[in-house]
Amino acid sequence: PLDENKVLEHLKLNLETFDGSKYPDIREELQKACSWLKRDANGKGTIALNIDMPISRRRFSIFHECGHFVLPWHSDVN
């Protein structure tokens, strides 16, 4: 399997982990989505990852958000 940390390093993406209590206003959405990509104004990105999910789901979510980061037509999506 690919090492998700190597992919994050190559794309220069940061990874922020949290549990469901960190973002109570969007907790329900995060339980469904597991992660999201936050883009900075300078084009850098951070993937926020819910650590309450099983490891296989966390890995899938990291790679899924990496896809959003590299797809040109997703560049305006935050």
N, C-alpha and C. Protein backbone atom coordinates (compact mmCIF):
# COMPACT_ATOMS: atom_id res chain seq x y z
N PRO A 1 0.83 -1.21 0.00
CA PRO A 1 0.00 0.00 0.00
C PRO A 1 0.86 1.26 0.00
N LEU A 2 0.30 2.30 -0.57
CA LEU A 2 0.96 3.60 -0.54
C LEU A 2 0.98 4.15 0.88
N ASP A 3 2.04 4.87 1.19
CA ASP A 3 2.15 5.54 2.49
C ASP A 3 1.51 6.91 2.36
N GLU A 4 0.40 7.12 3.05
CA GLU A 4 -0.31 8.39 2.95
C GLU A 4 0.54 9.57 3.41
N ASN A 5 1.46 9.32 4.34
CA ASN A 5 2.33 10.41 4.81
C ASN A 5 3.28 10.87 3.72
N LYS A 6 3.76 9.95 2.89
CA LYS A 6 4.64 10.32 1.77
C LYS A 6 3.87 11.14 0.73
N VAL A 7 2.62 10.77 0.49
CA VAL A 7 1.79 11.51 -0.46
C VAL A 7 1.53 12.92 0.07
N LEU A 8 1.19 13.03 1.35
CA LEU A 8 0.97 14.35 1.96
C LEU A 8 2.23 15.21 1.87
N GLU A 9 3.37 14.59 2.13
CA GLU A 9 4.64 15.31 2.05
C GLU A 9 4.92 15.78 0.62
N HIS A 10 4.68 14.91 -0.36
CA HIS A 10 4.91 15.27 -1.76
C HIS A 10 4.02 16.44 -2.20
N LEU A 11 2.77 16.42 -1.76
CA LEU A 11 1.82 17.49 -2.13
C LEU A 11 1.95 18.72 -1.23
N LYS A 12 2.81 18.63 -0.22
CA LYS A 12 2.99 19.72 0.75
C LYS A 12 1.68 20.07 1.46
N LEU A 13 0.93 19.01 1.81
CA LEU A 13 -0.31 19.17 2.55
C LEU A 13 -0.07 18.88 4.03
N ASN A 14 -0.68 19.66 4.88
CA ASN A 14 -0.63 19.41 6.31
C ASN A 14 -1.79 18.51 6.69
N LEU A 15 -1.63 17.78 7.79
CA LEU A 15 -2.68 16.93 8.31
C LEU A 15 -2.98 17.36 9.74
N GLU A 16 -4.24 17.65 9.98
CA GLU A 16 -4.71 18.03 11.31
C GLU A 16 -5.72 16.98 11.74
N THR A 17 -5.50 16.37 12.88
CA THR A 17 -6.44 15.38 13.36
C THR A 17 -7.30 15.97 14.47
N PHE A 18 -8.48 15.45 14.61
CA PHE A 18 -9.41 15.92 15.63
C PHE A 18 -10.35 14.78 16.00
N ASP A 19 -11.00 14.92 17.13
CA ASP A 19 -12.09 14.01 17.44
C ASP A 19 -13.39 14.80 17.30
N GLY A 20 -14.49 14.13 17.42
CA GLY A 20 -15.78 14.76 17.16
C GLY A 20 -16.08 15.95 18.05
N SER A 21 -15.43 16.05 19.21
CA SER A 21 -15.74 17.14 20.13
C SER A 21 -15.08 18.47 19.75
N LYS A 22 -14.09 18.44 18.88
CA LYS A 22 -13.35 19.67 18.55
C LYS A 22 -14.20 20.66 17.75
N TYR A 23 -15.08 20.16 16.91
CA TYR A 23 -15.91 21.01 16.07
C TYR A 23 -17.38 20.68 16.33
N PRO A 24 -17.92 21.07 17.48
CA PRO A 24 -19.30 20.66 17.82
C PRO A 24 -20.36 21.19 16.86
N ASP A 25 -20.12 22.33 16.22
CA ASP A 25 -21.11 22.90 15.32
C ASP A 25 -21.27 22.11 14.02
N ILE A 26 -20.25 21.36 13.64
CA ILE A 26 -20.34 20.56 12.41
C ILE A 26 -20.06 19.08 12.69
N ARG A 27 -20.21 18.68 13.94
CA ARG A 27 -19.90 17.30 14.34
C ARG A 27 -20.69 16.27 13.53
N GLU A 28 -21.97 16.51 13.34
CA GLU A 28 -22.80 15.55 12.60
C GLU A 28 -22.30 15.39 11.16
N GLU A 29 -21.94 16.49 10.51
CA GLU A 29 -21.43 16.42 9.14
C GLU A 29 -20.11 15.68 9.09
N LEU A 30 -19.26 15.91 10.09
CA LEU A 30 -17.95 15.26 10.10
C LEU A 30 -18.06 13.76 10.33
N GLN A 31 -19.09 13.32 11.03
CA GLN A 31 -19.27 11.89 11.22
C GLN A 31 -19.61 11.22 9.91
N LYS A 32 -20.18 11.95 8.98
CA LYS A 32 -20.49 11.41 7.67
C LYS A 32 -19.30 11.57 6.72
N ALA A 33 -18.66 12.74 6.75
CA ALA A 33 -17.61 13.04 5.78
C ALA A 33 -16.23 12.54 6.21
N CYS A 34 -15.97 12.46 7.49
CA CYS A 34 -14.71 11.99 8.05
C CYS A 34 -13.55 12.97 7.92
N SER A 35 -13.56 13.79 6.89
CA SER A 35 -12.44 14.70 6.66
C SER A 35 -12.87 15.83 5.73
N TRP A 36 -12.05 16.83 5.67
CA TRP A 36 -12.26 17.88 4.68
C TRP A 36 -10.95 18.58 4.40
N LEU A 37 -10.89 19.23 3.25
CA LEU A 37 -9.71 19.96 2.80
C LEU A 37 -9.94 21.44 3.01
N LYS A 38 -9.03 22.06 3.74
CA LYS A 38 -9.07 23.51 3.93
C LYS A 38 -7.94 24.10 3.11
N ARG A 39 -8.26 25.07 2.27
CA ARG A 39 -7.24 25.72 1.45
C ARG A 39 -6.93 27.10 2.01
N ASP A 40 -5.64 27.43 2.05
CA ASP A 40 -5.21 28.76 2.46
C ASP A 40 -5.23 29.68 1.24
N ALA A 41 -5.19 30.97 1.48
CA ALA A 41 -5.19 31.95 0.39
C ALA A 41 -3.95 31.79 -0.49
N ASN A 42 -2.87 31.29 0.06
CA ASN A 42 -1.62 31.13 -0.70
C ASN A 42 -1.55 29.81 -1.46
N GLY A 43 -2.65 29.05 -1.48
CA GLY A 43 -2.69 27.81 -2.24
C GLY A 43 -2.27 26.58 -1.47
N LYS A 44 -1.81 26.73 -0.25
CA LYS A 44 -1.45 25.58 0.57
C LYS A 44 -2.71 24.98 1.16
N GLY A 45 -2.61 23.74 1.58
CA GLY A 45 -3.80 23.08 2.10
C GLY A 45 -3.53 22.29 3.36
N THR A 46 -4.61 22.06 4.09
CA THR A 46 -4.59 21.23 5.29
C THR A 46 -5.77 20.28 5.21
N ILE A 47 -5.51 19.02 5.48
CA ILE A 47 -6.58 18.05 5.57
C ILE A 47 -6.91 17.87 7.05
N ALA A 48 -8.17 18.10 7.39
CA ALA A 48 -8.65 17.86 8.74
C ALA A 48 -9.27 16.47 8.75
N LEU A 49 -8.83 15.63 9.67
CA LEU A 49 -9.20 14.21 9.67
C LEU A 49 -9.79 13.82 11.01
N ASN A 50 -10.96 13.22 10.98
CA ASN A 50 -11.63 12.75 12.19
C ASN A 50 -10.99 11.44 12.64
N ILE A 51 -10.35 11.45 13.81
CA ILE A 51 -9.66 10.25 14.29
C ILE A 51 -10.59 9.24 14.95
N ASP A 52 -11.88 9.57 15.01
CA ASP A 52 -12.85 8.62 15.56
C ASP A 52 -13.18 7.50 14.57
N MET A 53 -12.71 7.62 13.34
CA MET A 53 -13.00 6.63 12.30
C MET A 53 -11.98 5.50 12.32
N PRO A 54 -12.35 4.32 11.81
CA PRO A 54 -11.38 3.22 11.70
C PRO A 54 -10.22 3.62 10.79
N ILE A 55 -9.06 3.02 11.00
CA ILE A 55 -7.85 3.38 10.24
C ILE A 55 -8.06 3.25 8.73
N SER A 56 -8.77 2.24 8.28
CA SER A 56 -8.98 2.08 6.84
C SER A 56 -9.79 3.26 6.29
N ARG A 57 -10.76 3.73 7.03
CA ARG A 57 -11.57 4.87 6.59
C ARG A 57 -10.74 6.16 6.64
N ARG A 58 -9.87 6.29 7.65
CA ARG A 58 -9.01 7.48 7.72
C ARG A 58 -8.07 7.54 6.53
N ARG A 59 -7.47 6.41 6.17
CA ARG A 59 -6.55 6.38 5.02
C ARG A 59 -7.31 6.74 3.74
N PHE A 60 -8.49 6.14 3.55
CA PHE A 60 -9.29 6.45 2.37
C PHE A 60 -9.59 7.95 2.32
N SER A 61 -9.95 8.53 3.46
CA SER A 61 -10.31 9.95 3.52
C SER A 61 -9.13 10.85 3.17
N ILE A 62 -7.94 10.48 3.63
CA ILE A 62 -6.75 11.27 3.30
C ILE A 62 -6.54 11.27 1.79
N PHE A 63 -6.57 10.09 1.18
CA PHE A 63 -6.37 10.01 -0.27
C PHE A 63 -7.49 10.70 -1.04
N HIS A 64 -8.71 10.62 -0.54
CA HIS A 64 -9.83 11.30 -1.17
C HIS A 64 -9.61 12.81 -1.18
N GLU A 65 -9.19 13.37 -0.06
CA GLU A 65 -8.94 14.81 0.01
C GLU A 65 -7.74 15.21 -0.84
N CYS A 66 -6.74 14.35 -0.95
CA CYS A 66 -5.61 14.62 -1.85
C CYS A 66 -6.10 14.75 -3.29
N GLY A 67 -7.08 13.93 -3.65
CA GLY A 67 -7.67 14.03 -4.98
C GLY A 67 -8.32 15.37 -5.22
N HIS A 68 -9.05 15.87 -4.22
CA HIS A 68 -9.64 17.21 -4.35
C HIS A 68 -8.55 18.26 -4.53
N PHE A 69 -7.43 18.08 -3.86
CA PHE A 69 -6.35 19.06 -3.91
C PHE A 69 -5.71 19.11 -5.29
N VAL A 70 -5.54 17.97 -5.96
CA VAL A 70 -4.82 17.95 -7.23
C VAL A 70 -5.71 18.16 -8.45
N LEU A 71 -7.02 17.95 -8.32
CA LEU A 71 -7.89 18.15 -9.48
C LEU A 71 -8.06 19.63 -9.78
N PRO A 72 -7.70 20.06 -10.97
CA PRO A 72 -7.75 21.49 -11.28
C PRO A 72 -9.13 22.11 -11.13
N TRP A 73 -10.18 21.37 -11.45
CA TRP A 73 -11.53 21.94 -11.37
C TRP A 73 -12.06 21.97 -9.93
N HIS A 74 -11.26 21.51 -8.97
CA HIS A 74 -11.62 21.61 -7.56
C HIS A 74 -10.81 22.70 -6.85
N SER A 75 -10.06 23.47 -7.60
CA SER A 75 -9.17 24.47 -6.97
C SER A 75 -9.91 25.56 -6.22
N ASP A 76 -11.16 25.82 -6.55
CA ASP A 76 -11.93 26.83 -5.85
C ASP A 76 -12.80 26.26 -4.75
N VAL A 77 -12.73 24.94 -4.54
CA VAL A 77 -13.55 24.28 -3.54
C VAL A 77 -12.80 24.29 -2.21
N ASN A 78 -13.48 24.67 -1.16
CA ASN A 78 -12.87 24.65 0.17
C ASN A 78 -13.71 23.81 1.10
